[in-house]
Amino acid sequence: MADTDGLETKRLLAAWRDGDLAARDQLFTLLYSELNQVSAALLRAERNSSLATGDLVNEAVMRLIQLDQIEWADKTHFLALSARAMRRILIDNARKKLSDKRRHQKVTLVTRLPGIAADRIDFDVLEKALIRLAAIDREKADIVELRYFGGMSHQEIAEVTGTSESTVKRGWRAARAWLLDAMATDERG
């Protein structure tokens, strides 16, 4: 069944890339539950968010629809880009809320990935550190986004990025260590 879904997803992605809007709509219908799972994972630990799971999915869909000629590789690639779009929406929403209020509240995110502390992380500090990491090493920043925000396994990231799983694991360890250090430095001052 999963193999059939993967083939159908690839077919729909290719048709959408070729301009078939009905295929695009079918794709979102087919993958809605998985997009909902990604959204729920991102929102689970979000405090005081005005966004519901469905709202985040819908906003991400609207952003994805606006992209032109994406070379979608497969379902995993599509879900990874969807997770990235959702992350950007959460960051934009958090920044808007902070700018609208006099009393600032820290926006946090909790991950449930194995091997990551369950501490709350300041979303804005993480975003700034990720931007700096991307300037230094785009591949490692991509691994963090796919793993942390997309909830993807090392194997899925390897498929999306076209690298080996061991390369992804090394990149994840190095990026994670760099980010933890950068975020600790930012929070100290």
N, C-alpha and C. Protein backbone atom coordinates (compact mmCIF):
# COMPACT_ATOMS: atom_id res chain seq x y z
N MET A 1 0.83 -1.20 0.00
CA MET A 1 0.00 0.00 0.00
C MET A 1 0.87 1.26 0.00
N ALA A 2 1.89 1.28 0.87
CA ALA A 2 2.75 2.47 0.93
C ALA A 2 3.46 2.69 -0.39
N ASP A 3 3.86 1.59 -1.04
CA ASP A 3 4.54 1.70 -2.33
C ASP A 3 3.59 2.29 -3.37
N THR A 4 2.32 1.86 -3.33
CA THR A 4 1.32 2.40 -4.24
C THR A 4 1.12 3.89 -3.98
N ASP A 5 1.04 4.27 -2.69
CA ASP A 5 0.90 5.68 -2.34
C ASP A 5 2.09 6.49 -2.85
N GLY A 6 3.29 5.93 -2.72
CA GLY A 6 4.50 6.62 -3.18
C GLY A 6 4.47 6.84 -4.68
N LEU A 7 4.04 5.83 -5.42
CA LEU A 7 3.96 5.96 -6.88
C LEU A 7 2.89 6.97 -7.27
N GLU A 8 1.77 6.93 -6.59
CA GLU A 8 0.69 7.89 -6.87
C GLU A 8 1.15 9.31 -6.55
N THR A 9 1.86 9.46 -5.45
CA THR A 9 2.37 10.78 -5.07
C THR A 9 3.33 11.30 -6.13
N LYS A 10 4.25 10.45 -6.58
CA LYS A 10 5.20 10.88 -7.62
C LYS A 10 4.46 11.29 -8.89
N ARG A 11 3.45 10.52 -9.26
CA ARG A 11 2.67 10.84 -10.46
C ARG A 11 1.98 12.19 -10.31
N LEU A 12 1.37 12.42 -9.15
CA LEU A 12 0.67 13.68 -8.92
C LEU A 12 1.64 14.86 -8.86
N LEU A 13 2.80 14.66 -8.25
CA LEU A 13 3.81 15.72 -8.20
C LEU A 13 4.28 16.10 -9.60
N ALA A 14 4.52 15.09 -10.43
CA ALA A 14 4.96 15.35 -11.81
C ALA A 14 3.87 16.08 -12.59
N ALA A 15 2.62 15.64 -12.40
CA ALA A 15 1.51 16.29 -13.12
C ALA A 15 1.35 17.74 -12.65
N TRP A 16 1.49 17.97 -11.36
CA TRP A 16 1.39 19.35 -10.84
C TRP A 16 2.49 20.21 -11.43
N ARG A 17 3.70 19.67 -11.46
CA ARG A 17 4.85 20.41 -12.03
C ARG A 17 4.57 20.77 -13.49
N ASP A 18 3.82 19.90 -14.18
CA ASP A 18 3.49 20.16 -15.58
C ASP A 18 2.26 21.06 -15.75
N GLY A 19 1.72 21.55 -14.62
CA GLY A 19 0.63 22.51 -14.69
C GLY A 19 -0.76 21.98 -14.42
N ASP A 20 -0.88 20.71 -14.05
CA ASP A 20 -2.18 20.10 -13.78
C ASP A 20 -2.65 20.46 -12.37
N LEU A 21 -3.58 21.41 -12.28
CA LEU A 21 -4.06 21.88 -10.99
C LEU A 21 -4.94 20.85 -10.30
N ALA A 22 -5.62 20.01 -11.07
CA ALA A 22 -6.43 18.94 -10.47
C ALA A 22 -5.52 17.94 -9.76
N ALA A 23 -4.34 17.67 -10.34
CA ALA A 23 -3.37 16.76 -9.71
C ALA A 23 -2.86 17.38 -8.41
N ARG A 24 -2.62 18.69 -8.43
CA ARG A 24 -2.18 19.39 -7.22
C ARG A 24 -3.20 19.21 -6.11
N ASP A 25 -4.47 19.43 -6.43
CA ASP A 25 -5.53 19.30 -5.44
C ASP A 25 -5.65 17.87 -4.93
N GLN A 26 -5.52 16.89 -5.83
CA GLN A 26 -5.55 15.48 -5.43
C GLN A 26 -4.39 15.16 -4.49
N LEU A 27 -3.24 15.74 -4.78
CA LEU A 27 -2.05 15.50 -3.95
C LEU A 27 -2.29 15.98 -2.52
N PHE A 28 -2.81 17.19 -2.37
CA PHE A 28 -3.06 17.71 -1.04
C PHE A 28 -4.12 16.88 -0.32
N THR A 29 -5.12 16.38 -1.05
CA THR A 29 -6.13 15.52 -0.44
C THR A 29 -5.50 14.21 0.01
N LEU A 30 -4.66 13.62 -0.84
CA LEU A 30 -4.01 12.35 -0.53
C LEU A 30 -3.10 12.47 0.69
N LEU A 31 -2.38 13.58 0.80
CA LEU A 31 -1.38 13.73 1.86
C LEU A 31 -1.85 14.57 3.04
N TYR A 32 -3.13 14.92 3.07
CA TYR A 32 -3.63 15.81 4.12
C TYR A 32 -3.37 15.27 5.52
N SER A 33 -3.62 13.99 5.73
CA SER A 33 -3.42 13.44 7.09
C SER A 33 -1.96 13.51 7.50
N GLU A 34 -1.04 13.28 6.58
CA GLU A 34 0.38 13.38 6.91
C GLU A 34 0.80 14.82 7.14
N LEU A 35 0.26 15.74 6.36
CA LEU A 35 0.53 17.16 6.60
C LEU A 35 -0.01 17.58 7.97
N ASN A 36 -1.16 17.02 8.32
CA ASN A 36 -1.75 17.29 9.62
C ASN A 36 -0.86 16.78 10.75
N GLN A 37 -0.23 15.62 10.56
CA GLN A 37 0.68 15.07 11.57
C GLN A 37 1.91 15.96 11.76
N VAL A 38 2.46 16.45 10.66
CA VAL A 38 3.61 17.36 10.73
C VAL A 38 3.20 18.63 11.46
N SER A 39 2.04 19.16 11.11
CA SER A 39 1.54 20.38 11.74
C SER A 39 1.32 20.17 13.24
N ALA A 40 0.71 19.05 13.60
CA ALA A 40 0.44 18.77 15.02
C ALA A 40 1.74 18.65 15.80
N ALA A 41 2.75 18.03 15.20
CA ALA A 41 4.04 17.89 15.88
C ALA A 41 4.67 19.25 16.13
N LEU A 42 4.55 20.15 15.17
CA LEU A 42 5.12 21.49 15.33
C LEU A 42 4.35 22.32 16.36
N LEU A 43 3.05 22.13 16.41
CA LEU A 43 2.22 22.94 17.31
C LEU A 43 2.10 22.38 18.72
N ARG A 44 2.41 21.11 18.88
CA ARG A 44 2.19 20.43 20.15
C ARG A 44 2.74 21.20 21.35
N ALA A 45 3.91 21.73 21.22
CA ALA A 45 4.53 22.41 22.35
C ALA A 45 4.47 23.93 22.24
N GLU A 46 3.82 24.42 21.22
CA GLU A 46 3.74 25.87 21.00
C GLU A 46 2.78 26.46 22.02
N ARG A 47 3.26 27.35 22.83
CA ARG A 47 2.43 28.01 23.84
C ARG A 47 1.73 29.21 23.23
N ASN A 48 0.48 29.38 23.61
CA ASN A 48 -0.28 30.58 23.23
C ASN A 48 -0.36 30.80 21.72
N SER A 49 -0.35 29.75 20.96
CA SER A 49 -0.44 29.91 19.51
C SER A 49 -1.90 30.08 19.13
N SER A 50 -2.14 31.00 18.25
CA SER A 50 -3.50 31.21 17.76
C SER A 50 -3.81 30.29 16.58
N LEU A 51 -2.83 29.54 16.15
CA LEU A 51 -3.01 28.65 15.01
C LEU A 51 -3.45 27.27 15.45
N ALA A 52 -4.40 26.72 14.74
CA ALA A 52 -4.80 25.33 14.93
C ALA A 52 -4.05 24.49 13.91
N THR A 53 -4.06 23.19 14.11
CA THR A 53 -3.36 22.28 13.20
C THR A 53 -3.82 22.49 11.76
N GLY A 54 -5.13 22.52 11.56
CA GLY A 54 -5.66 22.72 10.21
C GLY A 54 -5.29 24.07 9.62
N ASP A 55 -5.25 25.10 10.47
CA ASP A 55 -4.87 26.44 10.00
C ASP A 55 -3.44 26.43 9.48
N LEU A 56 -2.56 25.77 10.22
CA LEU A 56 -1.15 25.72 9.81
C LEU A 56 -1.00 24.95 8.51
N VAL A 57 -1.72 23.84 8.37
CA VAL A 57 -1.68 23.07 7.12
C VAL A 57 -2.18 23.93 5.97
N ASN A 58 -3.32 24.58 6.17
CA ASN A 58 -3.89 25.40 5.10
C ASN A 58 -2.98 26.54 4.68
N GLU A 59 -2.36 27.19 5.66
CA GLU A 59 -1.43 28.28 5.34
C GLU A 59 -0.22 27.75 4.57
N ALA A 60 0.28 26.58 4.98
CA ALA A 60 1.41 25.97 4.27
C ALA A 60 1.02 25.61 2.84
N VAL A 61 -0.18 25.07 2.68
CA VAL A 61 -0.66 24.72 1.33
C VAL A 61 -0.71 25.98 0.46
N MET A 62 -1.19 27.08 1.02
CA MET A 62 -1.26 28.32 0.25
C MET A 62 0.13 28.78 -0.18
N ARG A 63 1.11 28.62 0.70
CA ARG A 63 2.47 29.02 0.34
C ARG A 63 3.07 28.07 -0.70
N LEU A 64 2.80 26.79 -0.58
CA LEU A 64 3.34 25.82 -1.53
C LEU A 64 2.73 26.02 -2.92
N ILE A 65 1.47 26.36 -2.97
CA ILE A 65 0.79 26.58 -4.25
C ILE A 65 1.45 27.73 -5.01
N GLN A 66 1.98 28.71 -4.28
CA GLN A 66 2.58 29.88 -4.91
C GLN A 66 3.98 29.60 -5.49
N LEU A 67 4.57 28.47 -5.14
CA LEU A 67 5.90 28.15 -5.65
C LEU A 67 5.81 27.75 -7.12
N ASP A 68 6.76 28.21 -7.90
CA ASP A 68 6.77 27.89 -9.33
C ASP A 68 7.81 26.83 -9.64
N GLN A 69 7.41 25.85 -10.41
CA GLN A 69 8.31 24.85 -10.99
C GLN A 69 9.28 24.21 -9.99
N ILE A 70 8.74 23.72 -8.90
CA ILE A 70 9.57 22.98 -7.95
C ILE A 70 9.83 21.60 -8.54
N GLU A 71 11.05 21.15 -8.46
CA GLU A 71 11.41 19.81 -8.93
C GLU A 71 11.20 18.83 -7.78
N TRP A 72 9.94 18.51 -7.50
CA TRP A 72 9.61 17.60 -6.41
C TRP A 72 10.23 16.24 -6.70
N ALA A 73 10.99 15.71 -5.77
CA ALA A 73 11.61 14.41 -5.96
C ALA A 73 10.61 13.30 -5.67
N ASP A 74 9.95 13.39 -4.53
CA ASP A 74 9.03 12.35 -4.11
C ASP A 74 8.23 12.85 -2.91
N LYS A 75 7.48 11.94 -2.31
CA LYS A 75 6.63 12.27 -1.17
C LYS A 75 7.45 12.83 -0.01
N THR A 76 8.58 12.23 0.28
CA THR A 76 9.43 12.67 1.38
C THR A 76 9.90 14.10 1.15
N HIS A 77 10.31 14.40 -0.06
CA HIS A 77 10.76 15.74 -0.41
C HIS A 77 9.61 16.74 -0.25
N PHE A 78 8.43 16.37 -0.71
CA PHE A 78 7.25 17.23 -0.59
C PHE A 78 6.94 17.50 0.88
N LEU A 79 6.96 16.46 1.72
CA LEU A 79 6.66 16.64 3.14
C LEU A 79 7.74 17.48 3.82
N ALA A 80 8.98 17.32 3.40
CA ALA A 80 10.07 18.12 3.97
C ALA A 80 9.88 19.60 3.66
N LEU A 81 9.52 19.91 2.41
CA LEU A 81 9.28 21.31 2.06
C LEU A 81 8.03 21.85 2.74
N SER A 82 7.05 21.00 2.95
CA SER A 82 5.85 21.40 3.68
C SER A 82 6.19 21.74 5.12
N ALA A 83 7.03 20.91 5.74
CA ALA A 83 7.45 21.16 7.13
C ALA A 83 8.22 22.47 7.21
N ARG A 84 9.05 22.73 6.23
CA ARG A 84 9.81 23.99 6.20
C ARG A 84 8.87 25.18 6.09
N ALA A 85 7.85 25.05 5.23
CA ALA A 85 6.86 26.14 5.09
C ALA A 85 6.12 26.36 6.40
N MET A 86 5.75 25.28 7.08
CA MET A 86 5.05 25.40 8.36
C MET A 86 5.95 26.08 9.39
N ARG A 87 7.21 25.72 9.39
CA ARG A 87 8.15 26.34 10.33
C ARG A 87 8.21 27.84 10.10
N ARG A 88 8.31 28.25 8.83
CA ARG A 88 8.35 29.68 8.51
C ARG A 88 7.07 30.39 8.98
N ILE A 89 5.93 29.73 8.83
CA ILE A 89 4.66 30.31 9.26
C ILE A 89 4.67 30.51 10.77
N LEU A 90 5.13 29.50 11.51
CA LEU A 90 5.19 29.61 12.97
C LEU A 90 6.13 30.75 13.39
N ILE A 91 7.25 30.86 12.73
CA ILE A 91 8.20 31.93 13.05
C ILE A 91 7.58 33.29 12.74
N ASP A 92 6.97 33.42 11.57
CA ASP A 92 6.32 34.68 11.21
C ASP A 92 5.21 35.03 12.20
N ASN A 93 4.43 34.03 12.59
CA ASN A 93 3.34 34.24 13.54
C ASN A 93 3.88 34.66 14.90
N ALA A 94 4.95 34.00 15.36
CA ALA A 94 5.55 34.34 16.65
C ALA A 94 6.11 35.77 16.64
N ARG A 95 6.78 36.12 15.57
CA ARG A 95 7.34 37.47 15.48
C ARG A 95 6.24 38.53 15.44
N LYS A 96 5.17 38.24 14.74
CA LYS A 96 4.05 39.18 14.68
C LYS A 96 3.44 39.36 16.06
N LYS A 97 3.25 38.26 16.77
CA LYS A 97 2.69 38.34 18.12
C LYS A 97 3.60 39.15 19.04
N LEU A 98 4.90 38.95 18.92
CA LEU A 98 5.84 39.69 19.76
C LEU A 98 5.83 41.17 19.43
N SER A 99 5.71 41.51 18.16
CA SER A 99 5.71 42.92 17.79
C SER A 99 4.39 43.60 18.15
N ASP A 100 3.32 42.82 18.27
CA ASP A 100 2.01 43.38 18.61
C ASP A 100 1.82 43.61 20.11
N LYS A 101 2.67 43.02 20.93
CA LYS A 101 2.49 43.09 22.38
C LYS A 101 3.58 43.90 23.04
N ARG A 102 3.21 44.55 24.09
CA ARG A 102 4.24 45.24 24.88
C ARG A 102 4.96 44.26 25.77
N ARG A 103 4.22 43.34 26.37
CA ARG A 103 4.81 42.33 27.22
C ARG A 103 5.24 41.17 26.34
N HIS A 104 6.52 40.92 26.27
CA HIS A 104 7.04 39.88 25.39
C HIS A 104 7.01 38.53 26.08
N GLN A 105 6.54 37.53 25.36
CA GLN A 105 6.55 36.16 25.85
C GLN A 105 7.48 35.36 24.98
N LYS A 106 8.24 34.51 25.59
CA LYS A 106 9.15 33.66 24.85
C LYS A 106 8.33 32.61 24.11
N VAL A 107 8.57 32.43 22.82
CA VAL A 107 7.91 31.40 22.03
C VAL A 107 8.84 30.21 22.02
N THR A 108 8.30 29.07 22.40
CA THR A 108 9.16 27.89 22.55
C THR A 108 8.68 26.73 21.71
N LEU A 109 9.56 25.79 21.53
CA LEU A 109 9.29 24.59 20.78
C LEU A 109 9.89 23.42 21.53
N VAL A 110 9.15 22.33 21.60
CA VAL A 110 9.66 21.13 22.24
C VAL A 110 9.71 20.05 21.17
N THR A 111 10.82 19.35 21.11
CA THR A 111 10.94 18.25 20.17
C THR A 111 10.73 16.94 20.89
N ARG A 112 10.25 15.97 20.19
CA ARG A 112 10.10 14.64 20.75
C ARG A 112 10.94 13.63 19.97
N LEU A 113 11.97 14.12 19.32
CA LEU A 113 12.87 13.24 18.60
C LEU A 113 13.79 12.54 19.58
N PRO A 114 14.08 11.26 19.33
CA PRO A 114 14.98 10.55 20.23
C PRO A 114 16.37 11.21 20.24
N GLY A 115 16.96 11.28 21.41
CA GLY A 115 18.30 11.81 21.52
C GLY A 115 18.37 13.32 21.66
N ILE A 116 17.21 13.97 21.75
CA ILE A 116 17.20 15.42 21.90
C ILE A 116 16.54 15.72 23.23
N ALA A 117 17.16 16.57 24.02
CA ALA A 117 16.59 16.93 25.31
C ALA A 117 15.21 17.53 25.11
N ALA A 118 14.34 17.29 26.06
CA ALA A 118 12.96 17.77 25.95
C ALA A 118 12.81 19.19 26.48
N ASP A 119 13.91 19.89 26.63
CA ASP A 119 13.85 21.27 27.10
C ASP A 119 13.16 22.13 26.08
N ARG A 120 12.51 23.15 26.58
CA ARG A 120 11.89 24.12 25.68
C ARG A 120 12.99 24.99 25.09
N ILE A 121 12.82 25.29 23.83
CA ILE A 121 13.82 26.08 23.12
C ILE A 121 13.15 27.35 22.64
N ASP A 122 13.80 28.47 22.83
CA ASP A 122 13.30 29.75 22.35
C ASP A 122 13.34 29.73 20.83
N PHE A 123 12.17 29.82 20.23
CA PHE A 123 12.04 29.70 18.78
C PHE A 123 12.85 30.75 18.04
N ASP A 124 12.83 31.98 18.53
CA ASP A 124 13.54 33.07 17.87
C ASP A 124 15.05 32.86 17.95
N VAL A 125 15.55 32.41 19.11
CA VAL A 125 16.99 32.14 19.26
C VAL A 125 17.40 31.01 18.31
N LEU A 126 16.56 29.97 18.23
CA LEU A 126 16.85 28.86 17.32
C LEU A 126 16.88 29.35 15.87
N GLU A 127 15.92 30.17 15.49
CA GLU A 127 15.86 30.67 14.11
C GLU A 127 17.11 31.48 13.76
N LYS A 128 17.54 32.35 14.67
CA LYS A 128 18.73 33.16 14.42
C LYS A 128 19.97 32.28 14.30
N ALA A 129 20.07 31.27 15.15
CA ALA A 129 21.21 30.35 15.09
C ALA A 129 21.18 29.55 13.78
N LEU A 130 19.98 29.13 13.36
CA LEU A 130 19.86 28.39 12.10
C LEU A 130 20.26 29.24 10.90
N ILE A 131 19.93 30.50 10.93
CA ILE A 131 20.31 31.41 9.83
C ILE A 131 21.83 31.50 9.76
N ARG A 132 22.48 31.63 10.93
CA ARG A 132 23.95 31.69 10.95
C ARG A 132 24.55 30.37 10.48
N LEU A 133 23.98 29.25 10.91
CA LEU A 133 24.48 27.95 10.47
C LEU A 133 24.34 27.81 8.95
N ALA A 134 23.21 28.25 8.40
CA ALA A 134 22.99 28.15 6.95
C ALA A 134 24.02 28.97 6.19
N ALA A 135 24.44 30.10 6.75
CA ALA A 135 25.47 30.92 6.10
C ALA A 135 26.81 30.20 6.09
N ILE A 136 27.06 29.40 7.11
CA ILE A 136 28.32 28.66 7.23
C ILE A 136 28.26 27.35 6.46
N ASP A 137 27.13 26.62 6.63
CA ASP A 137 27.01 25.29 6.03
C ASP A 137 25.54 25.00 5.75
N ARG A 138 25.10 25.27 4.53
CA ARG A 138 23.70 25.10 4.13
C ARG A 138 23.22 23.66 4.30
N GLU A 139 24.08 22.67 3.99
CA GLU A 139 23.67 21.26 4.08
C GLU A 139 23.33 20.88 5.51
N LYS A 140 24.13 21.34 6.46
CA LYS A 140 23.86 21.01 7.86
C LYS A 140 22.58 21.70 8.34
N ALA A 141 22.36 22.92 7.90
CA ALA A 141 21.13 23.62 8.26
C ALA A 141 19.91 22.89 7.68
N ASP A 142 20.03 22.37 6.47
CA ASP A 142 18.94 21.60 5.87
C ASP A 142 18.65 20.35 6.68
N ILE A 143 19.70 19.67 7.12
CA ILE A 143 19.52 18.46 7.92
C ILE A 143 18.76 18.80 9.21
N VAL A 144 19.13 19.89 9.85
CA VAL A 144 18.44 20.30 11.08
C VAL A 144 16.97 20.58 10.80
N GLU A 145 16.69 21.31 9.74
CA GLU A 145 15.29 21.63 9.42
C GLU A 145 14.48 20.37 9.15
N LEU A 146 15.04 19.46 8.38
CA LEU A 146 14.31 18.25 8.04
C LEU A 146 14.13 17.34 9.25
N ARG A 147 15.15 17.25 10.08
CA ARG A 147 15.10 16.37 11.25
C ARG A 147 14.26 16.97 12.36
N TYR A 148 14.54 18.21 12.70
CA TYR A 148 13.91 18.84 13.85
C TYR A 148 12.48 19.28 13.56
N PHE A 149 12.29 19.98 12.46
CA PHE A 149 10.97 20.52 12.16
C PHE A 149 10.13 19.56 11.33
N GLY A 150 10.77 18.79 10.48
CA GLY A 150 10.03 17.84 9.65
C GLY A 150 9.84 16.50 10.31
N GLY A 151 10.60 16.23 11.39
CA GLY A 151 10.49 14.96 12.10
C GLY A 151 10.94 13.78 11.27
N MET A 152 11.82 14.02 10.30
CA MET A 152 12.26 12.96 9.41
C MET A 152 13.38 12.14 10.03
N SER A 153 13.43 10.88 9.64
CA SER A 153 14.51 10.00 10.10
C SER A 153 15.78 10.30 9.30
N HIS A 154 16.90 9.78 9.78
CA HIS A 154 18.16 9.96 9.05
C HIS A 154 18.04 9.38 7.64
N GLN A 155 17.40 8.23 7.53
CA GLN A 155 17.24 7.58 6.23
C GLN A 155 16.40 8.44 5.28
N GLU A 156 15.31 9.01 5.77
CA GLU A 156 14.48 9.87 4.92
C GLU A 156 15.23 11.12 4.48
N ILE A 157 16.02 11.68 5.38
CA ILE A 157 16.81 12.86 5.02
C ILE A 157 17.84 12.50 3.95
N ALA A 158 18.46 11.33 4.10
CA ALA A 158 19.43 10.87 3.11
C ALA A 158 18.77 10.75 1.74
N GLU A 159 17.55 10.25 1.70
CA GLU A 159 16.82 10.12 0.43
C GLU A 159 16.56 11.49 -0.19
N VAL A 160 16.10 12.42 0.64
CA VAL A 160 15.76 13.76 0.14
C VAL A 160 17.00 14.50 -0.34
N THR A 161 18.09 14.39 0.42
CA THR A 161 19.29 15.16 0.10
C THR A 161 20.22 14.44 -0.88
N GLY A 162 19.97 13.16 -1.12
CA GLY A 162 20.81 12.41 -2.04
C GLY A 162 22.18 12.09 -1.48
N THR A 163 22.26 11.95 -0.15
CA THR A 163 23.52 11.59 0.50
C THR A 163 23.34 10.28 1.24
N SER A 164 24.41 9.80 1.83
CA SER A 164 24.30 8.56 2.58
C SER A 164 23.75 8.83 3.98
N GLU A 165 23.22 7.80 4.58
CA GLU A 165 22.67 7.93 5.93
C GLU A 165 23.77 8.27 6.93
N SER A 166 24.96 7.71 6.75
CA SER A 166 26.07 8.01 7.67
C SER A 166 26.50 9.48 7.55
N THR A 167 26.45 10.04 6.35
CA THR A 167 26.77 11.45 6.16
C THR A 167 25.74 12.32 6.87
N VAL A 168 24.47 11.93 6.78
CA VAL A 168 23.41 12.67 7.46
C VAL A 168 23.61 12.61 8.97
N LYS A 169 23.93 11.42 9.49
CA LYS A 169 24.13 11.27 10.94
C LYS A 169 25.29 12.16 11.42
N ARG A 170 26.39 12.16 10.68
CA ARG A 170 27.53 13.01 11.05
C ARG A 170 27.15 14.48 10.98
N GLY A 171 26.45 14.87 9.93
CA GLY A 171 26.01 16.26 9.77
C GLY A 171 25.06 16.66 10.89
N TRP A 172 24.15 15.76 11.27
CA TRP A 172 23.20 16.03 12.35
C TRP A 172 23.93 16.26 13.67
N ARG A 173 24.88 15.38 13.99
CA ARG A 173 25.63 15.52 15.25
C ARG A 173 26.40 16.85 15.27
N ALA A 174 27.08 17.16 14.18
CA ALA A 174 27.88 18.39 14.12
C ALA A 174 26.98 19.62 14.18
N ALA A 175 25.89 19.62 13.43
CA ALA A 175 24.98 20.77 13.40
C ALA A 175 24.32 20.97 14.76
N ARG A 176 23.92 19.88 15.37
CA ARG A 176 23.27 19.97 16.68
C ARG A 176 24.21 20.55 17.73
N ALA A 177 25.44 20.08 17.73
CA ALA A 177 26.43 20.60 18.68
C ALA A 177 26.68 22.09 18.44
N TRP A 178 26.82 22.47 17.16
CA TRP A 178 27.06 23.87 16.82
C TRP A 178 25.88 24.74 17.27
N LEU A 179 24.65 24.27 16.98
CA LEU A 179 23.46 25.04 17.34
C LEU A 179 23.31 25.19 18.85
N LEU A 180 23.53 24.10 19.59
CA LEU A 180 23.42 24.18 21.05
C LEU A 180 24.40 25.21 21.61
N ASP A 181 25.63 25.22 21.08
CA ASP A 181 26.62 26.19 21.53
C ASP A 181 26.21 27.61 21.14
N ALA A 182 25.76 27.78 19.90
CA ALA A 182 25.35 29.12 19.43
C ALA A 182 24.15 29.64 20.21
N MET A 183 23.20 28.77 20.51
CA MET A 183 22.01 29.19 21.24
C MET A 183 22.35 29.52 22.69
N ALA A 184 23.24 28.74 23.29
CA ALA A 184 23.66 29.04 24.67
C ALA A 184 24.36 30.39 24.74
N THR A 185 25.19 30.67 23.74
CA THR A 185 25.88 31.95 23.67
C THR A 185 24.88 33.10 23.50
N ASP A 186 23.88 32.90 22.63
CA ASP A 186 22.87 33.95 22.40
C ASP A 186 22.04 34.21 23.66
N GLU A 187 21.68 33.16 24.36
CA GLU A 187 20.84 33.33 25.56
C GLU A 187 21.60 33.98 26.71
N ARG A 188 22.93 33.79 26.74
CA ARG A 188 23.74 34.41 27.78
C ARG A 188 23.93 35.90 27.54
N GLY A 189 23.81 36.30 26.31
CA GLY A 189 23.99 37.74 26.12
C GLY A 189 24.43 38.07 24.79
